[in-house]
Structure formats: C-alpha cells, structure tokens
C-alpha cells in the first residue's frame, strides 16, 4: 500500500474525489483506503501482507477498511486484528470484532466478550454479533 499505481487506477477506485489528488491536493490516506476497498471486490492472496500492514496504519480509516477486508476475506490475521479491539476509534473497534468473528480463536473471543462493556453502543452491538458467530464457529460458549 502507498505506492503509486497509476492515475487510471486511482480514478477507478477513488472516483471523482481522486481527481483532486491528481490535480495536486494532498493525498493524506485516501489512496490507501481506496486501494483496500478495491480488495473487497477483486482479491489476490499476494495482497494479504499489505492488508496486514494497513491494520497498523496511523489513519483510522485505513485500519477500518483493512479490517473490513479481513472480515470479508477471512484472512488469518487474528493476532494482528486483536489490536483493533482496543483502538481509539469506535468504528475500528467494531470492525475488529467482525473480523475476529471470522478468524479468531477462543482466546481472541474472550477479548471480544470484554467489548460488551464498550462505551459505544455500536461497538457493543458488533461485539454481541461477533460472539454469536464465534460461539457457533468454535462450537462452545465463550468463557471469561
């Protein structure tokens, strides 16, 4: 992530907003978000390392989108996804729970269970949904 993949690709993934970047506006984190979002539609296993790196990005929107890709693609990155569960941004915490639901183990499920006490209602809702998936997928209730 972060490499220049060409103007045509940037316009394809970023739409008309990308034109501003091509015209000289600061890119910030948007190309990385758009690149990760494109991986929800088109996937190759060689992108796994870039997604894992994106989970550690300083921009919360990049972490969120990479978490969405992990959840959608079932990427086995549970040990990296765990850091999202305590992220400062509620949207990142929520997507972390969804991704752990897909690939997490029993120890990671315990961390999701703690999220039922999160101050943000949407995070608690996503944690509850994730726990239901984890309980079914792991075949056992989640202990504390």
C-alpha atoms as a PDB file:
ATOM      1  CA  UNK A   1       0.000   0.000   0.000  1.00  0.00           C
ATOM      2  CA  UNK A   2       1.103   3.546  -0.551  1.00  0.00           C
ATOM      3  CA  UNK A   3       2.825   3.021  -3.922  1.00  0.00           C
ATOM      4  CA  UNK A   4       1.662   4.951  -6.979  1.00  0.00           C
ATOM      5  CA  UNK A   5      -0.390   2.509  -9.012  1.00  0.00           C
ATOM      6  CA  UNK A   6      -1.224   4.964 -11.780  1.00  0.00           C
ATOM      7  CA  UNK A   7      -3.755   7.663 -12.488  1.00  0.00           C
ATOM      8  CA  UNK A   8      -6.318   5.416 -14.160  1.00  0.00           C
ATOM      9  CA  UNK A   9      -6.407   3.017 -11.216  1.00  0.00           C
ATOM     10  CA  UNK A  10      -6.634   5.886  -8.723  1.00  0.00           C
ATOM     11  CA  UNK A  11      -9.615   7.325 -10.592  1.00  0.00           C
ATOM     12  CA  UNK A  12     -11.237   3.895 -10.747  1.00  0.00           C
ATOM     13  CA  UNK A  13     -11.005   3.246  -7.002  1.00  0.00           C
ATOM     14  CA  UNK A  14     -11.389   6.842  -5.809  1.00  0.00           C
ATOM     15  CA  UNK A  15     -13.928   8.178  -8.265  1.00  0.00           C
ATOM     16  CA  UNK A  16     -14.199  11.911  -8.788  1.00  0.00           C
ATOM     17  CA  UNK A  17     -12.581  12.547  -5.391  1.00  0.00           C
ATOM     18  CA  UNK A  18      -9.348  11.115  -6.747  1.00  0.00           C
ATOM     19  CA  UNK A  19      -9.199  13.825  -9.398  1.00  0.00           C
ATOM     20  CA  UNK A  20      -8.441  16.341  -6.661  1.00  0.00           C
ATOM     21  CA  UNK A  21      -5.385  14.344  -5.671  1.00  0.00           C
ATOM     22  CA  UNK A  22      -4.279  14.127  -9.287  1.00  0.00           C
ATOM     23  CA  UNK A  23      -4.736  17.906  -9.509  1.00  0.00           C
ATOM     24  CA  UNK A  24      -2.363  18.422  -6.580  1.00  0.00           C
ATOM     25  CA  UNK A  25      -4.444  18.187  -3.399  1.00  0.00           C
ATOM     26  CA  UNK A  26      -2.753  16.356  -0.509  1.00  0.00           C
ATOM     27  CA  UNK A  27      -3.426  12.633  -0.746  1.00  0.00           C
ATOM     28  CA  UNK A  28      -3.472  12.052   3.018  1.00  0.00           C
ATOM     29  CA  UNK A  29      -4.622   8.448   3.488  1.00  0.00           C
ATOM     30  CA  UNK A  30      -7.343   8.224   0.830  1.00  0.00           C
ATOM     31  CA  UNK A  31      -5.450   6.224  -1.822  1.00  0.00           C
ATOM     32  CA  UNK A  32      -4.720   3.551   0.807  1.00  0.00           C
ATOM     33  CA  UNK A  33      -8.386   3.444   1.824  1.00  0.00           C
ATOM     34  CA  UNK A  34      -9.472   3.182  -1.795  1.00  0.00           C
ATOM     35  CA  UNK A  35      -6.897   0.507  -2.564  1.00  0.00           C
ATOM     36  CA  UNK A  36      -8.059  -1.592   0.374  1.00  0.00           C
ATOM     37  CA  UNK A  37     -11.707  -1.036  -0.586  1.00  0.00           C
ATOM     38  CA  UNK A  38     -10.952  -2.333  -4.094  1.00  0.00           C
ATOM     39  CA  UNK A  39      -9.810  -5.586  -2.463  1.00  0.00           C
ATOM     40  CA  UNK A  40     -13.373  -6.159  -1.266  1.00  0.00           C
ATOM     41  CA  UNK A  41     -14.209  -6.703  -4.942  1.00  0.00           C
ATOM     42  CA  UNK A  42     -11.029  -8.065  -6.504  1.00  0.00           C
ATOM     43  CA  UNK A  43      -8.736 -10.272  -4.469  1.00  0.00           C
ATOM     44  CA  UNK A  44      -5.352 -11.908  -4.740  1.00  0.00           C
ATOM     45  CA  UNK A  45      -3.573 -13.608  -1.843  1.00  0.00           C
ATOM     46  CA  UNK A  46      -0.482 -11.510  -2.515  1.00  0.00           C
ATOM     47  CA  UNK A  47      -2.398  -8.540  -1.033  1.00  0.00           C
ATOM     48  CA  UNK A  48      -2.507 -10.120   2.444  1.00  0.00           C
ATOM     49  CA  UNK A  49       0.763  -8.522   3.572  1.00  0.00           C
ATOM     50  CA  UNK A  50      -0.413  -5.054   2.502  1.00  0.00           C
ATOM     51  CA  UNK A  51      -3.680  -5.516   4.382  1.00  0.00           C
ATOM     52  CA  UNK A  52      -1.809  -6.655   7.479  1.00  0.00           C
ATOM     53  CA  UNK A  53       0.381  -3.565   7.233  1.00  0.00           C
ATOM     54  CA  UNK A  54      -2.733  -1.412   6.816  1.00  0.00           C
ATOM     55  CA  UNK A  55      -4.128  -2.730  10.094  1.00  0.00           C
ATOM     56  CA  UNK A  56      -1.251  -0.844  11.762  1.00  0.00           C
ATOM     57  CA  UNK A  57      -1.645   2.370   9.750  1.00  0.00           C
ATOM     58  CA  UNK A  58      -1.818   5.640  11.681  1.00  0.00           C
ATOM     59  CA  UNK A  59      -5.005   6.677   9.832  1.00  0.00           C
ATOM     60  CA  UNK A  60      -8.102   5.123  11.383  1.00  0.00           C
ATOM     61  CA  UNK A  61      -9.935   4.970   8.050  1.00  0.00           C
ATOM     62  CA  UNK A  62      -7.172   2.767   6.633  1.00  0.00           C
ATOM     63  CA  UNK A  63      -7.286   0.481   9.698  1.00  0.00           C
ATOM     64  CA  UNK A  64     -11.068   0.275   9.408  1.00  0.00           C
ATOM     65  CA  UNK A  65     -11.053  -0.592   5.700  1.00  0.00           C
ATOM     66  CA  UNK A  66      -8.299  -3.177   6.130  1.00  0.00           C
ATOM     67  CA  UNK A  67     -10.342  -4.699   8.952  1.00  0.00           C
ATOM     68  CA  UNK A  68     -13.334  -4.879   6.608  1.00  0.00           C
ATOM     69  CA  UNK A  69     -11.196  -6.697   4.051  1.00  0.00           C
ATOM     70  CA  UNK A  70     -10.072  -9.164   6.745  1.00  0.00           C
ATOM     71  CA  UNK A  71     -13.683  -9.805   7.732  1.00  0.00           C
ATOM     72  CA  UNK A  72     -14.840 -10.211   4.129  1.00  0.00           C
ATOM     73  CA  UNK A  73     -11.917 -12.372   3.010  1.00  0.00           C
ATOM     74  CA  UNK A  74     -11.471 -14.358   6.226  1.00  0.00           C
ATOM     75  CA  UNK A  75      -7.785 -13.501   6.380  1.00  0.00           C
ATOM     76  CA  UNK A  76      -5.982 -15.444   9.130  1.00  0.00           C
ATOM     77  CA  UNK A  77      -4.620 -12.354  10.848  1.00  0.00           C
ATOM     78  CA  UNK A  78      -6.219 -12.783  14.260  1.00  0.00           C
ATOM     79  CA  UNK A  79      -3.100 -11.856  16.200  1.00  0.00           C
ATOM     80  CA  UNK A  80      -2.845  -8.569  14.282  1.00  0.00           C
ATOM     81  CA  UNK A  81      -6.595  -7.921  14.365  1.00  0.00           C
ATOM     82  CA  UNK A  82      -6.581  -8.062  18.167  1.00  0.00           C
ATOM     83  CA  UNK A  83      -5.040  -4.596  18.298  1.00  0.00           C
ATOM     84  CA  UNK A  84      -8.159  -3.198  16.600  1.00  0.00           C
ATOM     85  CA  UNK A  85     -10.309  -4.295  19.543  1.00  0.00           C
ATOM     86  CA  UNK A  86      -8.830  -1.544  21.718  1.00  0.00           C
ATOM     87  CA  UNK A  87      -8.435   1.096  19.017  1.00  0.00           C
ATOM     88  CA  UNK A  88      -9.217   4.695  19.952  1.00  0.00           C
ATOM     89  CA  UNK A  89     -11.832   4.839  17.168  1.00  0.00           C
ATOM     90  CA  UNK A  90     -15.154   3.071  17.736  1.00  0.00           C
ATOM     91  CA  UNK A  91     -15.597   2.184  14.061  1.00  0.00           C
ATOM     92  CA  UNK A  92     -12.231   0.432  14.059  1.00  0.00           C
ATOM     93  CA  UNK A  93     -13.110  -1.478  17.252  1.00  0.00           C
ATOM     94  CA  UNK A  94     -16.423  -2.585  15.717  1.00  0.00           C
ATOM     95  CA  UNK A  95     -14.827  -3.852  12.510  1.00  0.00           C
ATOM     96  CA  UNK A  96     -12.160  -5.597  14.576  1.00  0.00           C
ATOM     97  CA  UNK A  97     -14.880  -7.581  16.342  1.00  0.00           C
ATOM     98  CA  UNK A  98     -16.464  -8.532  12.998  1.00  0.00           C
ATOM     99  CA  UNK A  99     -13.122  -9.696  11.619  1.00  0.00           C
ATOM    100  CA  UNK A 100     -12.242 -11.692  14.750  1.00  0.00           C
ATOM    101  CA  UNK A 101     -15.645 -13.378  14.426  1.00  0.00           C
ATOM    102  CA  UNK A 102     -14.494 -14.800  11.084  1.00  0.00           C
ATOM    103  CA  UNK A 103     -10.992 -15.934  12.016  1.00  0.00           C
ATOM    104  CA  UNK A 104     -10.441 -15.617  15.757  1.00  0.00           C
ATOM    105  CA  UNK A 105      -9.666 -18.342  18.262  1.00  0.00           C
ATOM    106  CA  UNK A 106     -11.051 -18.889  21.772  1.00  0.00           C
ATOM    107  CA  UNK A 107      -8.533 -16.527  23.398  1.00  0.00           C
ATOM    108  CA  UNK A 108      -9.355 -13.775  20.935  1.00  0.00           C
ATOM    109  CA  UNK A 109     -13.056 -14.434  21.501  1.00  0.00           C
ATOM    110  CA  UNK A 110     -12.550 -13.617  25.185  1.00  0.00           C
ATOM    111  CA  UNK A 111     -11.241 -10.213  24.171  1.00  0.00           C
ATOM    112  CA  UNK A 112     -14.326  -9.648  22.032  1.00  0.00           C
ATOM    113  CA  UNK A 113     -16.504 -10.568  25.005  1.00  0.00           C
ATOM    114  CA  UNK A 114     -14.924  -7.729  27.007  1.00  0.00           C
ATOM    115  CA  UNK A 115     -16.172  -5.359  24.323  1.00  0.00           C
ATOM    116  CA  UNK A 116     -19.729  -5.890  25.544  1.00  0.00           C
ATOM    117  CA  UNK A 117     -18.837  -3.173  28.086  1.00  0.00           C
ATOM    118  CA  UNK A 118     -17.551  -0.707  25.477  1.00  0.00           C
ATOM    119  CA  UNK A 119     -18.863   2.845  25.958  1.00  0.00           C
ATOM    120  CA  UNK A 120     -20.093   2.957  22.338  1.00  0.00           C
ATOM    121  CA  UNK A 121     -23.396   1.202  21.637  1.00  0.00           C
ATOM    122  CA  UNK A 122     -22.437   0.222  18.068  1.00  0.00           C
ATOM    123  CA  UNK A 123     -19.264  -1.439  19.313  1.00  0.00           C
ATOM    124  CA  UNK A 124     -21.281  -3.397  21.889  1.00  0.00           C
ATOM    125  CA  UNK A 125     -23.758  -4.431  19.183  1.00  0.00           C
ATOM    126  CA  UNK A 126     -20.985  -5.634  16.864  1.00  0.00           C
ATOM    127  CA  UNK A 127     -19.290  -7.449  19.744  1.00  0.00           C
ATOM    128  CA  UNK A 128     -22.531  -9.267  20.550  1.00  0.00           C
ATOM    129  CA  UNK A 129     -22.998 -10.294  16.928  1.00  0.00           C
ATOM    130  CA  UNK A 130     -19.356 -11.394  16.740  1.00  0.00           C
ATOM    131  CA  UNK A 131     -19.732 -13.501  19.882  1.00  0.00           C
ATOM    132  CA  UNK A 132     -22.734 -15.286  18.378  1.00  0.00           C
ATOM    133  CA  UNK A 133     -20.671 -16.134  15.288  1.00  0.00           C
ATOM    134  CA  UNK A 134     -17.662 -17.176  17.369  1.00  0.00           C
ATOM    135  CA  UNK A 135     -19.765 -19.394  19.640  1.00  0.00           C
ATOM    136  CA  UNK A 136     -21.214 -21.188  16.632  1.00  0.00           C
ATOM    137  CA  UNK A 137     -17.935 -21.378  14.718  1.00  0.00           C
ATOM    138  CA  UNK A 138     -15.888 -22.576  17.708  1.00  0.00           C
ATOM    139  CA  UNK A 139     -18.646 -24.915  18.885  1.00  0.00           C
ATOM    140  CA  UNK A 140     -18.568 -23.756  22.503  1.00  0.00           C
ATOM    141  CA  UNK A 141     -19.652 -20.823  24.636  1.00  0.00           C
ATOM    142  CA  UNK A 142     -17.058 -18.124  25.176  1.00  0.00           C
ATOM    143  CA  UNK A 143     -15.670 -18.221  28.722  1.00  0.00           C
ATOM    144  CA  UNK A 144     -14.415 -15.127  30.527  1.00  0.00           C
END
